[in-house]
Protein backbone atom coordinates (compact mmCIF):
# COMPACT_ATOMS: atom_id res chain seq x y z
CA UNK A 1 11.95 15.04 -8.75
CA UNK A 2 9.02 17.32 -8.38
CA UNK A 3 5.41 16.52 -7.33
CA UNK A 4 3.93 15.43 -10.72
CA UNK A 5 7.16 13.37 -11.57
CA UNK A 6 6.72 11.34 -8.34
CA UNK A 7 3.32 10.15 -9.28
CA UNK A 8 4.20 9.73 -13.00
CA UNK A 9 7.07 7.66 -11.96
CA UNK A 10 5.28 5.62 -9.33
CA UNK A 11 2.25 4.81 -11.63
CA UNK A 12 4.44 3.85 -14.66
CA UNK A 13 6.99 1.86 -12.58
CA UNK A 14 5.11 -1.30 -12.36
CA UNK A 15 5.17 -1.74 -16.10
CA UNK A 16 9.02 -1.06 -16.50
CA UNK A 17 9.51 -4.79 -16.52
CA UNK A 18 6.40 -6.80 -17.56
CA UNK A 19 8.13 -10.20 -16.74
CA UNK A 20 8.69 -9.20 -13.19
CA UNK A 21 5.15 -7.74 -12.96
CA UNK A 22 3.87 -11.04 -14.04
CA UNK A 23 6.05 -12.83 -11.45
CA UNK A 24 4.53 -10.71 -8.68
CA UNK A 25 1.10 -11.32 -10.16
CA UNK A 26 1.66 -15.05 -10.07
CA UNK A 27 2.80 -14.91 -6.61
CA UNK A 28 -0.19 -12.93 -5.53
CA UNK A 29 -2.47 -15.55 -7.24
CA UNK A 30 -1.29 -17.85 -4.65
CA UNK A 31 -2.12 -15.48 -1.79
CA UNK A 32 -4.47 -18.19 -0.32
CA UNK A 33 -1.36 -20.47 -0.04
CA UNK A 34 0.03 -17.69 2.32
CA UNK A 35 3.67 -18.08 1.47
CA UNK A 36 3.41 -16.74 -2.17
CA UNK A 37 1.34 -13.74 -0.83
CA UNK A 38 3.93 -13.04 1.80
CA UNK A 39 6.66 -13.03 -0.89
CA UNK A 40 4.60 -10.66 -2.83
CA UNK A 41 4.28 -8.21 0.05
CA UNK A 42 7.89 -8.68 0.86
CA UNK A 43 8.92 -7.69 -2.74
CA UNK A 44 7.09 -4.40 -1.98
CA UNK A 45 9.65 -3.60 0.74
CA UNK A 46 12.38 -4.78 -1.69
CA UNK A 47 11.16 -1.99 -4.20
CA UNK A 48 11.40 0.50 -1.31
CA UNK A 49 14.89 -0.45 -0.56
CA UNK A 50 16.10 -0.46 -4.22
CA UNK A 51 14.32 2.90 -4.81
CA UNK A 52 16.07 4.66 -1.93
CA UNK A 53 19.33 3.12 -3.19
CA UNK A 54 18.78 4.94 -6.37
CA UNK A 55 17.60 2.25 -8.70
CA UNK A 56 14.93 2.98 -11.32
CA UNK A 57 14.32 -0.73 -12.10
CA UNK A 58 12.22 -3.52 -10.53
CA UNK A 59 14.60 -5.45 -8.25
CA UNK A 60 15.51 -9.14 -8.81
CA UNK A 61 13.75 -12.08 -7.30
CA UNK A 62 16.18 -13.75 -5.02
CA UNK A 63 16.72 -14.54 -1.31
CA UNK A 64 13.21 -15.98 -1.08
CA UNK A 65 13.38 -16.48 2.67
CA UNK A 66 13.95 -12.78 3.18
CA UNK A 67 11.01 -12.04 0.82
CA UNK A 68 8.86 -14.22 3.23
CA UNK A 69 10.30 -12.66 6.41
CA UNK A 70 9.72 -9.08 4.97
CA UNK A 71 6.17 -10.05 4.03
CA UNK A 72 5.49 -11.25 7.64
CA UNK A 73 6.86 -8.00 8.90
CA UNK A 74 4.58 -6.08 6.41
CA UNK A 75 1.55 -8.04 7.61
CA UNK A 76 2.46 -7.66 11.30
CA UNK A 77 2.92 -3.87 11.03
CA UNK A 78 -0.25 -3.43 8.95
CA UNK A 79 -2.31 -5.34 11.61
CA UNK A 80 -0.89 -3.37 14.47
CA UNK A 81 -1.32 -0.11 12.76
CA UNK A 82 -5.02 -0.81 11.96
CA UNK A 83 -5.94 -1.76 15.51
CA UNK A 84 -7.76 1.66 16.06
CA UNK A 85 -9.79 1.03 12.85
CA UNK A 86 -10.82 -2.48 14.11
CA UNK A 87 -11.66 -0.96 17.45
CA UNK A 88 -14.01 1.57 15.79
CA UNK A 89 -15.61 -1.13 13.73
CA UNK A 90 -16.20 -3.38 16.84
CA UNK A 91 -17.55 -0.50 18.98
CA UNK A 92 -20.04 0.73 16.29
CA UNK A 93 -21.28 -2.73 15.48
CA UNK A 94 -21.91 -3.65 19.17
CA UNK A 95 -23.07 0.02 20.12
CA UNK A 96 -26.55 -1.11 20.54
CA UNK A 97 -27.80 1.43 18.01
CA UNK A 98 -30.71 -0.26 15.97
CA UNK A 99 -30.40 2.24 13.10
CA UNK A 100 -28.17 0.23 10.66
CA UNK A 101 -27.94 3.15 8.08
CA UNK A 102 -26.71 5.45 10.77
CA UNK A 103 -24.14 3.00 11.97
CA UNK A 104 -22.99 2.25 8.50
CA UNK A 105 -22.51 5.86 7.78
CA UNK A 106 -20.72 6.62 11.04
CA UNK A 107 -18.49 3.56 10.38
CA UNK A 108 -17.57 4.74 6.83
CA UNK A 109 -16.84 8.33 7.99
CA UNK A 110 -14.79 7.46 10.92
CA UNK A 111 -12.93 4.71 9.22
CA UNK A 112 -11.78 7.07 6.38
CA UNK A 113 -10.71 9.78 9.00
CA UNK A 114 -8.95 7.44 11.32
CA UNK A 115 -7.43 5.51 8.43
CA UNK A 116 -5.93 8.71 6.75
CA UNK A 117 -4.49 9.68 10.25
CA UNK A 118 -2.92 6.28 10.57
CA UNK A 119 -1.58 6.56 7.00
CA UNK A 120 0.22 9.64 7.77
CA UNK A 121 2.58 7.63 10.00
CA UNK A 122 2.21 4.23 8.25
CA UNK A 123 3.33 5.52 4.77
CA UNK A 124 6.82 6.12 6.04
CA UNK A 125 6.83 3.39 8.71
CA UNK A 126 6.88 0.74 5.98
CA UNK A 127 9.72 2.60 4.28
CA UNK A 128 11.64 2.94 7.52
CA UNK A 129 11.12 -0.72 8.30
CA UNK A 130 12.46 -1.70 4.86
CA UNK A 131 15.45 0.49 4.93
CA UNK A 132 16.42 -0.43 8.51
CA UNK A 133 15.57 -4.11 7.96
CA UNK A 134 14.12 -4.36 11.46
CA UNK A 135 10.46 -4.87 12.37
CA UNK A 136 10.65 -2.40 15.28
CA UNK A 137 11.74 0.30 12.91
CA UNK A 138 8.01 0.60 11.71
CA UNK A 139 7.35 1.96 15.26
CA UNK A 140 10.28 4.42 15.49
CA UNK A 141 7.99 7.35 15.61
CA UNK A 142 10.75 9.92 16.52
CA UNK A 143 12.63 9.07 13.22
CA UNK A 144 9.34 8.81 11.06
CA UNK A 145 8.17 12.31 12.34
CA UNK A 146 11.60 13.74 11.89
CA UNK A 147 11.58 12.50 8.15
CA UNK A 148 8.14 13.99 7.61
CA UNK A 149 9.49 17.39 8.95
CA UNK A 150 12.36 17.12 6.46
CA UNK A 151 9.99 16.60 3.55
CA UNK A 152 7.78 19.39 4.94
CA UNK A 153 4.38 18.74 6.58
CA UNK A 154 2.49 20.64 3.84
CA UNK A 155 4.32 18.86 1.06
CA UNK A 156 3.99 15.51 2.78
CA UNK A 157 0.22 15.77 3.42
CA UNK A 158 -0.33 16.93 -0.23
CA UNK A 159 1.43 13.82 -1.32
CA UNK A 160 -0.56 11.62 0.99
CA UNK A 161 -3.98 13.18 0.01
CA UNK A 162 -3.21 12.76 -3.78
CA UNK A 163 -1.92 9.19 -3.24
CA UNK A 164 -5.03 8.26 -1.21
CA UNK A 165 -7.30 9.80 -3.89
CA UNK A 166 -5.63 7.78 -6.54
CA UNK A 167 -5.90 4.50 -4.58
CA UNK A 168 -9.64 5.08 -3.79
CA UNK A 169 -10.51 6.03 -7.28
CA UNK A 170 -8.80 3.03 -8.77
CA UNK A 171 -10.28 0.80 -6.07
CA UNK A 172 -13.67 2.15 -6.75
CA UNK A 173 -13.35 1.53 -10.48
CA UNK A 174 -12.18 -2.00 -10.08
CA UNK A 175 -14.66 -3.01 -7.45
CA UNK A 176 -17.59 -1.51 -9.39
CA UNK A 177 -16.70 -3.46 -12.58
CA UNK A 178 -18.04 -6.86 -11.16
CA UNK A 179 -21.90 -6.17 -11.93
CA UNK A 180 -21.01 -4.86 -15.48
CA UNK A 181 -18.85 -7.89 -16.29
CA UNK A 182 -21.44 -10.29 -15.02
CA UNK A 183 -24.18 -8.55 -16.96
CA UNK A 184 -22.04 -8.53 -20.21
CA UNK A 185 -20.56 -12.08 -20.20
CA UNK A 186 -22.52 -13.97 -17.78
CA UNK A 187 -22.14 -14.76 -14.00
CA UNK A 188 -19.41 -17.33 -14.19
CA UNK A 189 -17.23 -15.68 -16.94
CA UNK A 190 -17.82 -12.15 -15.41
CA UNK A 191 -16.78 -13.41 -12.01
CA UNK A 192 -13.71 -15.06 -13.23
CA UNK A 193 -12.70 -12.00 -15.33
CA UNK A 194 -13.30 -9.71 -12.26
CA UNK A 195 -11.09 -11.98 -10.11
CA UNK A 196 -8.34 -11.79 -12.81
CA UNK A 197 -8.70 -7.96 -12.86
CA UNK A 198 -8.65 -7.82 -9.09
CA UNK A 199 -5.36 -9.69 -8.73
CA UNK A 200 -3.93 -7.69 -11.55
CA UNK A 201 -4.96 -4.54 -9.71
CA UNK A 202 -3.45 -5.67 -6.43
CA UNK A 203 -0.22 -6.49 -8.19
CA UNK A 204 -0.09 -3.07 -9.54
CA UNK A 205 -0.83 -1.59 -6.10
CA UNK A 206 2.03 -3.60 -4.47
CA UNK A 207 4.56 -2.11 -7.01
CA UNK A 208 3.05 1.26 -7.23
CA UNK A 209 2.94 1.63 -3.38
CA UNK A 210 6.43 0.34 -2.88
CA UNK A 211 7.80 2.84 -5.50
CA UNK A 212 5.77 5.75 -3.99
CA UNK A 213 6.99 5.16 -0.43
CA UNK A 214 10.56 4.73 -1.57
CA UNK A 215 10.44 7.98 -3.51
CA UNK A 216 8.91 9.98 -0.54
CA UNK A 217 11.32 8.52 1.79
CA UNK A 218 14.37 9.19 -0.52
CA UNK A 219 13.14 12.90 -0.71
CA UNK A 220 13.34 13.13 3.10
CA UNK A 221 16.90 11.83 3.01
CA UNK A 222 17.85 14.24 0.31
CA UNK A 223 16.31 17.25 2.21
CA UNK A 224 18.16 16.09 5.28
CA UNK A 225 21.52 15.85 3.48
CA UNK A 226 20.80 19.33 2.06
CA UNK A 227 20.07 20.86 5.25
């Protein structure tokens, strides 16, 4: 599967089974109840597993306890990996610089740079955790960097840059829709529609992200086998 096929497949994958897409959507709607949200995130790891195993279909919903456990691992790994970003935000907020605009700009630039550096590892960290079915596998840096080397650093970074651009563009489009919706159909109706779009978008991102990580990790395995 070449570069364009990876992204074409990843973007279209969430819509290969609308019923399962809607199941994840309903789970994510209950994110404030915690358990359904954890199951939705756990399902993303299940997509990674099924993709690496060679499946081209959205996996089944079963073993709910495992979905919850995987969701907890997903959240835990995400929090740990984002600690440097949280530290930057904390330091800039309490830096004592009275110039809010300067602080905000510095925060934005550093967050993007540090976030991208973290994602270089985190992208495959989740995939490694999913395939190994162990939380500590998300921090097996030796294996993660070995997998990146098998993919090729240039190819891998190119994949990551394009993936990041797609995510940022889609996120910007969705977040900027709120004022237009409230202007067109009123505050309450616009806000309700925006929330619906927001949850649909995040459902798409869960499925899209899982498929993309699985395909990239699988590419590393295939390159390793061919070496």
